Amino acid sequence: MKEHKNDLVGKQEELNLFRELLYENGKRLEHAIIKVLQLLGFSAEGYQDEESQFDVLFSSPEGRLIGEVEGKEKTAIDVSKFDQLNRNIDEDLNKEGTKDRAKGVIFGNAYRFLSPETRAEFFTVKCVNSAKRANISLVRSIDLYYVAKYLLENPDDEETKSKCRERILNGNGIINLLELLPVD
């Protein structure tokens, strides 16, 4: 009985960390995104060396990705993140030992001061159109919250983890991770 209670308390504490996906920006949002990517089976970390700094560098057997993280208080995510993401992808490609261009991903937490159910579109039309042209995945941080919640309750669901990884890697524009979660 006590072991079960401790397990539930541990899961609640982990879920509290993932609440940052709903309301944070900056390093706190980056950290929460890295944690959920790791739950999905990615090798994920923030990256910094003498020449480069990437919000998120992550990979899995399906491929390598570089992510930019943006939290906006009262607006949608716009195209301004594309310049930084493209510079990071180019810097990565020019590094010794890198063979292939990494897939780009923008993680957005738009309207973060509003309740999640009242938020408008997370990405502007220009951002979505640019992502489609550049083959960049746009991921809503709120989707990652619900993915993390599901995986904390179902840690052995490798099929859902794999589907989410593939959707992020093969996405083009806004991707919907929620539709990959099994319905109760």
N, C-alpha and C. Protein backbone atom coordinates (compact mmCIF):
# COMPACT_ATOMS: atom_id res chain seq x y z
N MET A 1 0.82 -1.19 0.00
CA MET A 1 0.00 0.00 0.00
C MET A 1 0.87 1.26 0.00
N LYS A 2 1.88 1.27 0.86
CA LYS A 2 2.76 2.44 0.94
C LYS A 2 3.56 2.61 -0.36
N GLU A 3 3.97 1.49 -0.95
CA GLU A 3 4.71 1.54 -2.21
C GLU A 3 3.84 2.13 -3.32
N HIS A 4 2.59 1.75 -3.37
CA HIS A 4 1.65 2.29 -4.37
C HIS A 4 1.47 3.80 -4.17
N LYS A 5 1.33 4.22 -2.90
CA LYS A 5 1.18 5.65 -2.60
C LYS A 5 2.43 6.42 -3.03
N ASN A 6 3.61 5.88 -2.74
CA ASN A 6 4.86 6.54 -3.15
C ASN A 6 4.96 6.66 -4.66
N ASP A 7 4.50 5.62 -5.36
CA ASP A 7 4.50 5.64 -6.82
C ASP A 7 3.59 6.76 -7.35
N LEU A 8 2.41 6.88 -6.76
CA LEU A 8 1.47 7.94 -7.17
C LEU A 8 2.03 9.32 -6.88
N VAL A 9 2.66 9.50 -5.73
CA VAL A 9 3.26 10.79 -5.37
C VAL A 9 4.38 11.13 -6.35
N GLY A 10 5.20 10.14 -6.70
CA GLY A 10 6.28 10.36 -7.67
C GLY A 10 5.76 10.78 -9.03
N LYS A 11 4.70 10.12 -9.49
CA LYS A 11 4.10 10.48 -10.78
C LYS A 11 3.51 11.88 -10.73
N GLN A 12 2.90 12.27 -9.62
CA GLN A 12 2.33 13.61 -9.49
C GLN A 12 3.44 14.66 -9.52
N GLU A 13 4.56 14.39 -8.88
CA GLU A 13 5.68 15.32 -8.89
C GLU A 13 6.23 15.48 -10.31
N GLU A 14 6.32 14.36 -11.05
CA GLU A 14 6.78 14.44 -12.44
C GLU A 14 5.80 15.25 -13.28
N LEU A 15 4.51 15.02 -13.09
CA LEU A 15 3.51 15.76 -13.84
C LEU A 15 3.59 17.25 -13.54
N ASN A 16 3.88 17.60 -12.29
CA ASN A 16 4.05 19.02 -11.94
C ASN A 16 5.19 19.65 -12.73
N LEU A 17 6.29 18.90 -12.95
CA LEU A 17 7.38 19.41 -13.78
C LEU A 17 6.86 19.72 -15.19
N PHE A 18 6.02 18.83 -15.71
CA PHE A 18 5.53 19.01 -17.07
C PHE A 18 4.50 20.14 -17.19
N ARG A 19 4.00 20.65 -16.07
CA ARG A 19 3.11 21.82 -16.11
C ARG A 19 3.83 23.02 -16.72
N GLU A 20 5.15 22.99 -16.64
CA GLU A 20 5.93 24.08 -17.24
C GLU A 20 5.71 24.15 -18.75
N LEU A 21 5.29 23.04 -19.35
CA LEU A 21 4.96 23.04 -20.77
C LEU A 21 3.75 23.92 -21.06
N LEU A 22 2.96 24.19 -20.05
CA LEU A 22 1.75 24.99 -20.22
C LEU A 22 1.97 26.49 -20.00
N TYR A 23 2.90 26.85 -19.11
CA TYR A 23 2.96 28.24 -18.66
C TYR A 23 4.33 28.91 -18.72
N GLU A 24 5.37 28.18 -19.05
CA GLU A 24 6.72 28.76 -18.97
C GLU A 24 7.27 29.15 -20.34
N ASN A 25 8.41 29.82 -20.29
CA ASN A 25 9.23 30.10 -21.47
C ASN A 25 10.69 29.94 -21.06
N GLY A 26 11.60 30.23 -21.96
CA GLY A 26 13.02 30.20 -21.62
C GLY A 26 13.53 28.83 -21.19
N LYS A 27 14.50 28.84 -20.29
CA LYS A 27 15.17 27.60 -19.86
C LYS A 27 14.22 26.61 -19.19
N ARG A 28 13.25 27.10 -18.46
CA ARG A 28 12.30 26.20 -17.79
C ARG A 28 11.47 25.43 -18.82
N LEU A 29 11.04 26.12 -19.87
CA LEU A 29 10.29 25.46 -20.93
C LEU A 29 11.21 24.50 -21.69
N GLU A 30 12.42 24.91 -21.98
CA GLU A 30 13.39 24.04 -22.66
C GLU A 30 13.60 22.76 -21.86
N HIS A 31 13.80 22.89 -20.55
CA HIS A 31 14.04 21.73 -19.69
C HIS A 31 12.85 20.77 -19.73
N ALA A 32 11.64 21.29 -19.65
CA ALA A 32 10.45 20.43 -19.68
C ALA A 32 10.31 19.73 -21.03
N ILE A 33 10.63 20.42 -22.11
CA ILE A 33 10.56 19.82 -23.45
C ILE A 33 11.59 18.70 -23.56
N ILE A 34 12.79 18.93 -23.08
CA ILE A 34 13.82 17.88 -23.11
C ILE A 34 13.34 16.66 -22.34
N LYS A 35 12.73 16.85 -21.18
CA LYS A 35 12.25 15.73 -20.36
C LYS A 35 11.17 14.92 -21.09
N VAL A 36 10.23 15.57 -21.75
CA VAL A 36 9.19 14.82 -22.45
C VAL A 36 9.76 14.13 -23.69
N LEU A 37 10.72 14.75 -24.36
CA LEU A 37 11.37 14.09 -25.49
C LEU A 37 12.08 12.82 -25.03
N GLN A 38 12.70 12.88 -23.85
CA GLN A 38 13.34 11.69 -23.30
C GLN A 38 12.30 10.62 -22.96
N LEU A 39 11.14 11.02 -22.45
CA LEU A 39 10.05 10.07 -22.20
C LEU A 39 9.63 9.37 -23.49
N LEU A 40 9.69 10.10 -24.61
CA LEU A 40 9.32 9.54 -25.90
C LEU A 40 10.38 8.61 -26.48
N GLY A 41 11.54 8.58 -25.84
CA GLY A 41 12.60 7.69 -26.32
C GLY A 41 13.68 8.39 -27.12
N PHE A 42 13.63 9.70 -27.18
CA PHE A 42 14.71 10.45 -27.83
C PHE A 42 15.88 10.59 -26.87
N SER A 43 17.07 10.67 -27.42
CA SER A 43 18.22 11.16 -26.68
C SER A 43 18.15 12.67 -26.86
N ALA A 44 17.97 13.43 -25.79
CA ALA A 44 17.72 14.87 -25.93
C ALA A 44 18.49 15.65 -24.87
N GLU A 45 19.00 16.81 -25.29
CA GLU A 45 19.71 17.70 -24.38
C GLU A 45 19.80 19.09 -24.98
N GLY A 46 20.03 20.07 -24.13
CA GLY A 46 20.43 21.38 -24.62
C GLY A 46 21.88 21.25 -25.05
N TYR A 47 22.30 22.03 -26.01
CA TYR A 47 23.66 21.86 -26.54
C TYR A 47 24.37 23.21 -26.59
N GLN A 48 25.61 23.22 -26.11
CA GLN A 48 26.43 24.42 -26.21
C GLN A 48 27.90 24.01 -26.30
N ASP A 49 28.60 24.62 -27.26
CA ASP A 49 30.05 24.48 -27.34
C ASP A 49 30.61 25.87 -27.62
N GLU A 50 31.86 25.96 -28.03
CA GLU A 50 32.50 27.26 -28.25
C GLU A 50 31.84 28.04 -29.38
N GLU A 51 31.24 27.33 -30.34
CA GLU A 51 30.71 27.98 -31.53
C GLU A 51 29.19 28.04 -31.59
N SER A 52 28.51 27.13 -30.91
CA SER A 52 27.07 26.98 -31.10
C SER A 52 26.32 26.80 -29.79
N GLN A 53 25.05 27.17 -29.84
CA GLN A 53 24.14 26.91 -28.73
C GLN A 53 22.78 26.58 -29.32
N PHE A 54 22.27 25.38 -29.01
CA PHE A 54 20.98 24.93 -29.50
C PHE A 54 20.06 24.71 -28.31
N ASP A 55 18.80 25.15 -28.41
CA ASP A 55 17.85 24.92 -27.33
C ASP A 55 17.71 23.42 -27.06
N VAL A 56 17.52 22.65 -28.14
CA VAL A 56 17.34 21.21 -28.01
C VAL A 56 18.00 20.50 -29.18
N LEU A 57 18.87 19.57 -28.88
CA LEU A 57 19.46 18.68 -29.88
C LEU A 57 18.98 17.29 -29.49
N PHE A 58 18.28 16.61 -30.40
CA PHE A 58 17.73 15.31 -30.04
C PHE A 58 17.76 14.34 -31.20
N SER A 59 17.77 13.05 -30.85
CA SER A 59 17.86 12.02 -31.89
C SER A 59 17.23 10.73 -31.39
N SER A 60 16.96 9.87 -32.35
CA SER A 60 16.44 8.53 -32.10
C SER A 60 16.86 7.70 -33.31
N PRO A 61 16.56 6.42 -33.31
CA PRO A 61 16.90 5.63 -34.50
C PRO A 61 16.26 6.18 -35.78
N GLU A 62 15.16 6.94 -35.62
CA GLU A 62 14.48 7.49 -36.80
C GLU A 62 15.21 8.70 -37.40
N GLY A 63 16.03 9.41 -36.62
CA GLY A 63 16.75 10.55 -37.17
C GLY A 63 17.22 11.55 -36.12
N ARG A 64 17.92 12.60 -36.61
CA ARG A 64 18.46 13.69 -35.77
C ARG A 64 17.65 14.94 -35.98
N LEU A 65 17.45 15.70 -34.88
CA LEU A 65 16.65 16.91 -34.96
C LEU A 65 17.27 18.01 -34.11
N ILE A 66 16.98 19.25 -34.50
CA ILE A 66 17.36 20.42 -33.72
C ILE A 66 16.09 21.23 -33.50
N GLY A 67 15.88 21.61 -32.25
CA GLY A 67 14.67 22.35 -31.92
C GLY A 67 14.96 23.73 -31.35
N GLU A 68 14.09 24.66 -31.70
CA GLU A 68 14.06 25.99 -31.11
C GLU A 68 12.82 26.06 -30.25
N VAL A 69 12.92 26.66 -29.09
CA VAL A 69 11.83 26.74 -28.13
C VAL A 69 11.43 28.20 -27.98
N GLU A 70 10.11 28.46 -28.03
CA GLU A 70 9.62 29.83 -27.88
C GLU A 70 8.36 29.84 -27.04
N GLY A 71 8.35 30.69 -26.04
CA GLY A 71 7.16 30.94 -25.24
C GLY A 71 6.75 32.39 -25.41
N LYS A 72 5.49 32.62 -25.73
CA LYS A 72 4.97 33.99 -25.92
C LYS A 72 3.84 34.22 -24.93
N GLU A 73 3.85 35.39 -24.30
CA GLU A 73 2.85 35.70 -23.29
C GLU A 73 1.46 35.90 -23.87
N LYS A 74 1.36 36.75 -24.90
CA LYS A 74 0.04 37.18 -25.38
C LYS A 74 -0.15 37.05 -26.88
N THR A 75 0.75 36.33 -27.54
CA THR A 75 0.67 36.21 -28.99
C THR A 75 1.02 34.80 -29.45
N ALA A 76 0.78 34.57 -30.74
CA ALA A 76 1.17 33.32 -31.37
C ALA A 76 2.66 33.36 -31.72
N ILE A 77 3.22 32.21 -31.98
CA ILE A 77 4.62 32.10 -32.41
C ILE A 77 4.68 32.54 -33.86
N ASP A 78 5.64 33.42 -34.18
CA ASP A 78 5.73 33.94 -35.54
C ASP A 78 6.99 33.43 -36.24
N VAL A 79 7.23 33.94 -37.44
CA VAL A 79 8.34 33.44 -38.27
C VAL A 79 9.71 33.85 -37.77
N SER A 80 9.81 34.68 -36.76
CA SER A 80 11.12 35.14 -36.29
C SER A 80 12.01 33.99 -35.80
N LYS A 81 11.43 32.89 -35.36
CA LYS A 81 12.23 31.76 -34.88
C LYS A 81 12.92 31.00 -36.01
N PHE A 82 12.46 31.17 -37.24
CA PHE A 82 13.02 30.43 -38.36
C PHE A 82 14.47 30.81 -38.64
N ASP A 83 14.82 32.09 -38.52
CA ASP A 83 16.20 32.50 -38.76
C ASP A 83 17.15 31.79 -37.81
N GLN A 84 16.81 31.80 -36.50
CA GLN A 84 17.67 31.14 -35.52
C GLN A 84 17.74 29.64 -35.77
N LEU A 85 16.61 29.02 -36.05
CA LEU A 85 16.60 27.58 -36.29
C LEU A 85 17.45 27.22 -37.51
N ASN A 86 17.30 27.96 -38.59
CA ASN A 86 18.09 27.67 -39.80
C ASN A 86 19.58 27.89 -39.57
N ARG A 87 19.94 28.93 -38.81
CA ARG A 87 21.37 29.14 -38.48
C ARG A 87 21.90 27.95 -37.67
N ASN A 88 21.10 27.49 -36.71
CA ASN A 88 21.54 26.35 -35.89
C ASN A 88 21.71 25.09 -36.72
N ILE A 89 20.78 24.85 -37.63
CA ILE A 89 20.88 23.66 -38.48
C ILE A 89 22.12 23.75 -39.37
N ASP A 90 22.39 24.94 -39.92
CA ASP A 90 23.58 25.11 -40.76
C ASP A 90 24.87 24.96 -39.95
N GLU A 91 24.90 25.54 -38.74
CA GLU A 91 26.08 25.39 -37.88
C GLU A 91 26.32 23.92 -37.56
N ASP A 92 25.27 23.21 -37.25
CA ASP A 92 25.38 21.79 -36.94
C ASP A 92 25.92 21.01 -38.13
N LEU A 93 25.41 21.30 -39.31
CA LEU A 93 25.85 20.60 -40.52
C LEU A 93 27.32 20.84 -40.80
N ASN A 94 27.83 22.02 -40.46
CA ASN A 94 29.23 22.35 -40.70
C ASN A 94 30.19 21.77 -39.67
N LYS A 95 29.67 21.16 -38.62
CA LYS A 95 30.53 20.57 -37.59
C LYS A 95 31.20 19.29 -38.09
N GLU A 96 32.40 19.10 -37.63
CA GLU A 96 33.16 17.89 -37.96
C GLU A 96 32.37 16.66 -37.54
N GLY A 97 32.23 15.71 -38.43
CA GLY A 97 31.55 14.46 -38.12
C GLY A 97 30.06 14.44 -38.43
N THR A 98 29.47 15.60 -38.71
CA THR A 98 28.04 15.62 -39.05
C THR A 98 27.90 15.27 -40.52
N LYS A 99 27.07 14.27 -40.80
CA LYS A 99 26.92 13.79 -42.17
C LYS A 99 25.68 14.30 -42.87
N ASP A 100 24.60 14.45 -42.11
CA ASP A 100 23.32 14.83 -42.70
C ASP A 100 22.74 16.05 -42.01
N ARG A 101 21.93 16.79 -42.75
CA ARG A 101 21.23 17.95 -42.21
C ARG A 101 20.17 17.48 -41.21
N ALA A 102 20.15 18.09 -40.04
CA ALA A 102 19.16 17.75 -39.01
C ALA A 102 17.80 18.31 -39.39
N LYS A 103 16.77 17.63 -38.96
CA LYS A 103 15.39 18.09 -39.13
C LYS A 103 15.14 19.23 -38.15
N GLY A 104 14.46 20.27 -38.58
CA GLY A 104 14.15 21.41 -37.72
C GLY A 104 12.78 21.28 -37.07
N VAL A 105 12.71 21.69 -35.81
CA VAL A 105 11.46 21.66 -35.05
C VAL A 105 11.36 22.96 -34.24
N ILE A 106 10.19 23.57 -34.27
CA ILE A 106 9.92 24.71 -33.39
C ILE A 106 8.87 24.27 -32.38
N PHE A 107 9.22 24.38 -31.11
CA PHE A 107 8.31 24.07 -30.01
C PHE A 107 7.74 25.39 -29.52
N GLY A 108 6.41 25.51 -29.55
CA GLY A 108 5.79 26.78 -29.19
C GLY A 108 4.85 26.69 -28.01
N ASN A 109 4.98 27.65 -27.11
CA ASN A 109 4.04 27.81 -26.00
C ASN A 109 3.43 29.20 -26.13
N ALA A 110 2.41 29.30 -26.98
CA ALA A 110 1.77 30.58 -27.26
C ALA A 110 0.70 30.92 -26.22
N TYR A 111 0.49 32.23 -26.04
CA TYR A 111 -0.53 32.71 -25.11
C TYR A 111 -0.40 32.06 -23.73
N ARG A 112 0.83 31.95 -23.26
CA ARG A 112 1.11 31.15 -22.06
C ARG A 112 0.51 31.72 -20.79
N PHE A 113 0.08 32.98 -20.80
CA PHE A 113 -0.56 33.55 -19.62
C PHE A 113 -2.05 33.24 -19.56
N LEU A 114 -2.58 32.63 -20.60
CA LEU A 114 -4.00 32.28 -20.64
C LEU A 114 -4.20 30.82 -20.26
N SER A 115 -5.38 30.50 -19.81
CA SER A 115 -5.73 29.12 -19.53
C SER A 115 -5.63 28.31 -20.82
N PRO A 116 -5.08 27.10 -20.78
CA PRO A 116 -4.86 26.33 -22.02
C PRO A 116 -6.09 26.18 -22.89
N GLU A 117 -7.26 26.00 -22.30
CA GLU A 117 -8.46 25.78 -23.12
C GLU A 117 -8.97 27.05 -23.82
N THR A 118 -8.43 28.22 -23.45
CA THR A 118 -8.89 29.47 -24.08
C THR A 118 -7.88 30.03 -25.10
N ARG A 119 -6.80 29.34 -25.32
CA ARG A 119 -5.75 29.87 -26.21
C ARG A 119 -6.16 29.78 -27.67
N ALA A 120 -5.73 30.80 -28.41
CA ALA A 120 -5.95 30.83 -29.85
C ALA A 120 -4.90 29.96 -30.53
N GLU A 121 -4.82 30.04 -31.85
CA GLU A 121 -3.84 29.27 -32.61
C GLU A 121 -2.43 29.56 -32.09
N PHE A 122 -1.63 28.53 -31.97
CA PHE A 122 -0.28 28.67 -31.41
C PHE A 122 0.71 29.28 -32.39
N PHE A 123 0.48 29.14 -33.69
CA PHE A 123 1.42 29.60 -34.70
C PHE A 123 0.68 30.48 -35.71
N THR A 124 1.34 31.57 -36.15
CA THR A 124 0.73 32.44 -37.14
C THR A 124 0.64 31.72 -38.49
N VAL A 125 -0.22 32.23 -39.36
CA VAL A 125 -0.36 31.66 -40.70
C VAL A 125 0.97 31.70 -41.44
N LYS A 126 1.70 32.81 -41.33
CA LYS A 126 3.01 32.91 -41.98
C LYS A 126 3.97 31.85 -41.45
N CYS A 127 3.92 31.62 -40.16
CA CYS A 127 4.79 30.61 -39.54
C CYS A 127 4.45 29.22 -40.07
N VAL A 128 3.17 28.90 -40.15
CA VAL A 128 2.74 27.59 -40.64
C VAL A 128 3.13 27.41 -42.10
N ASN A 129 2.88 28.43 -42.93
CA ASN A 129 3.23 28.33 -44.35
C ASN A 129 4.74 28.20 -44.54
N SER A 130 5.51 28.93 -43.78
CA SER A 130 6.97 28.84 -43.86
C SER A 130 7.46 27.46 -43.43
N ALA A 131 6.85 26.91 -42.39
CA ALA A 131 7.23 25.58 -41.90
C ALA A 131 6.96 24.53 -42.97
N LYS A 132 5.83 24.63 -43.64
CA LYS A 132 5.49 23.67 -44.69
C LYS A 132 6.50 23.75 -45.83
N ARG A 133 6.88 24.95 -46.23
CA ARG A 133 7.85 25.11 -47.32
C ARG A 133 9.23 24.59 -46.92
N ALA A 134 9.60 24.78 -45.65
CA ALA A 134 10.95 24.42 -45.19
C ALA A 134 11.01 23.02 -44.56
N ASN A 135 9.90 22.29 -44.56
CA ASN A 135 9.84 20.95 -43.97
C ASN A 135 10.22 20.98 -42.48
N ILE A 136 9.63 21.91 -41.76
CA ILE A 136 9.87 22.07 -40.32
C ILE A 136 8.61 21.67 -39.56
N SER A 137 8.79 20.92 -38.49
CA SER A 137 7.67 20.54 -37.62
C SER A 137 7.41 21.63 -36.61
N LEU A 138 6.14 21.94 -36.41
CA LEU A 138 5.71 22.88 -35.39
C LEU A 138 4.97 22.08 -34.32
N VAL A 139 5.47 22.14 -33.08
CA VAL A 139 4.91 21.33 -32.00
C VAL A 139 4.40 22.25 -30.90
N ARG A 140 3.13 22.09 -30.54
CA ARG A 140 2.53 22.85 -29.44
C ARG A 140 2.97 22.23 -28.11
N SER A 141 3.44 23.06 -27.22
CA SER A 141 3.89 22.54 -25.91
C SER A 141 2.73 21.93 -25.13
N ILE A 142 1.53 22.41 -25.33
CA ILE A 142 0.36 21.83 -24.64
C ILE A 142 0.17 20.37 -25.06
N ASP A 143 0.43 20.05 -26.33
CA ASP A 143 0.35 18.65 -26.79
C ASP A 143 1.37 17.80 -26.03
N LEU A 144 2.57 18.35 -25.85
CA LEU A 144 3.60 17.60 -25.13
C LEU A 144 3.20 17.35 -23.68
N TYR A 145 2.47 18.28 -23.08
CA TYR A 145 1.99 18.08 -21.72
C TYR A 145 1.08 16.84 -21.65
N TYR A 146 0.14 16.75 -22.57
CA TYR A 146 -0.79 15.61 -22.55
C TYR A 146 -0.11 14.31 -22.94
N VAL A 147 0.89 14.39 -23.80
CA VAL A 147 1.69 13.20 -24.12
C VAL A 147 2.43 12.73 -22.87
N ALA A 148 3.05 13.67 -22.15
CA ALA A 148 3.78 13.32 -20.92
C ALA A 148 2.83 12.72 -19.89
N LYS A 149 1.67 13.31 -19.73
CA LYS A 149 0.68 12.80 -18.78
C LYS A 149 0.30 11.36 -19.14
N TYR A 150 0.04 11.12 -20.41
CA TYR A 150 -0.31 9.76 -20.85
C TYR A 150 0.84 8.78 -20.59
N LEU A 151 2.07 9.19 -20.93
CA LEU A 151 3.20 8.27 -20.78
C LEU A 151 3.57 8.01 -19.32
N LEU A 152 3.30 8.95 -18.44
CA LEU A 152 3.51 8.68 -17.02
C LEU A 152 2.56 7.60 -16.52
N GLU A 153 1.38 7.57 -17.11
CA GLU A 153 0.39 6.55 -16.73
C GLU A 153 0.59 5.25 -17.50
N ASN A 154 1.25 5.30 -18.66
CA ASN A 154 1.45 4.14 -19.54
C ASN A 154 2.89 4.09 -20.02
N PRO A 155 3.86 3.92 -19.12
CA PRO A 155 5.28 4.02 -19.50
C PRO A 155 5.76 2.95 -20.47
N ASP A 156 5.02 1.86 -20.61
CA ASP A 156 5.46 0.78 -21.49
C ASP A 156 4.82 0.83 -22.88
N ASP A 157 4.12 1.89 -23.21
CA ASP A 157 3.45 2.00 -24.50
C ASP A 157 4.45 2.44 -25.58
N GLU A 158 5.26 1.50 -26.02
CA GLU A 158 6.31 1.78 -27.01
C GLU A 158 5.73 2.17 -28.36
N GLU A 159 4.55 1.65 -28.69
CA GLU A 159 3.93 1.98 -29.98
C GLU A 159 3.58 3.46 -30.06
N THR A 160 3.00 4.00 -29.01
CA THR A 160 2.66 5.44 -29.00
C THR A 160 3.93 6.29 -29.02
N LYS A 161 4.94 5.88 -28.27
CA LYS A 161 6.21 6.61 -28.28
C LYS A 161 6.79 6.66 -29.69
N SER A 162 6.80 5.51 -30.36
CA SER A 162 7.34 5.43 -31.72
C SER A 162 6.53 6.30 -32.70
N LYS A 163 5.22 6.26 -32.60
CA LYS A 163 4.37 7.08 -33.48
C LYS A 163 4.62 8.57 -33.26
N CYS A 164 4.79 8.97 -32.01
CA CYS A 164 5.08 10.38 -31.72
C CYS A 164 6.44 10.80 -32.28
N ARG A 165 7.45 9.95 -32.10
CA ARG A 165 8.78 10.27 -32.64
C ARG A 165 8.70 10.42 -34.17
N GLU A 166 8.04 9.48 -34.82
CA GLU A 166 7.93 9.54 -36.28
C GLU A 166 7.15 10.76 -36.74
N ARG A 167 6.10 11.13 -36.01
CA ARG A 167 5.31 12.31 -36.39
C ARG A 167 6.15 13.57 -36.29
N ILE A 168 6.95 13.69 -35.23
CA ILE A 168 7.81 14.86 -35.08
C ILE A 168 8.86 14.88 -36.20
N LEU A 169 9.46 13.74 -36.48
CA LEU A 169 10.51 13.67 -37.50
C LEU A 169 9.97 13.91 -38.91
N ASN A 170 8.79 13.40 -39.20
CA ASN A 170 8.25 13.49 -40.56
C ASN A 170 7.26 14.62 -40.74
N GLY A 171 7.01 15.39 -39.70
CA GLY A 171 6.03 16.46 -39.76
C GLY A 171 6.45 17.58 -40.69
N ASN A 172 5.44 18.32 -41.09
CA ASN A 172 5.63 19.43 -42.02
C ASN A 172 4.55 20.44 -41.70
N GLY A 173 4.88 21.47 -40.92
CA GLY A 173 3.87 22.39 -40.41
C GLY A 173 3.44 21.92 -39.03
N ILE A 174 2.24 22.34 -38.62
CA ILE A 174 1.74 21.95 -37.30
C ILE A 174 1.47 20.46 -37.28
N ILE A 175 2.00 19.81 -36.26
CA ILE A 175 1.72 18.39 -36.11
C ILE A 175 0.83 18.19 -34.90
N ASN A 176 -0.02 17.20 -34.98
CA ASN A 176 -0.96 16.90 -33.90
C ASN A 176 -0.53 15.61 -33.22
N LEU A 177 0.00 15.73 -32.03
CA LEU A 177 0.40 14.54 -31.27
C LEU A 177 -0.77 13.95 -30.49
N LEU A 178 -1.77 14.77 -30.18
CA LEU A 178 -2.89 14.29 -29.38
C LEU A 178 -3.66 13.19 -30.07
N GLU A 179 -3.76 13.24 -31.40
CA GLU A 179 -4.52 12.22 -32.10
C GLU A 179 -3.81 10.86 -32.07
N LEU A 180 -2.57 10.83 -31.64
CA LEU A 180 -1.82 9.58 -31.53
C LEU A 180 -2.04 8.88 -30.19
N LEU A 181 -2.61 9.61 -29.23
CA LEU A 181 -2.83 9.03 -27.91
C LEU A 181 -4.08 8.15 -27.94
N PRO A 182 -3.98 6.94 -27.40
CA PRO A 182 -5.16 6.07 -27.38
C PRO A 182 -6.31 6.71 -26.60
N VAL A 183 -7.51 6.50 -27.08
CA VAL A 183 -8.71 7.01 -26.43
C VAL A 183 -9.20 5.98 -25.42
N ASP A 184 -9.49 6.44 -24.23
CA ASP A 184 -9.98 5.52 -23.18
C ASP A 184 -11.36 5.00 -23.51
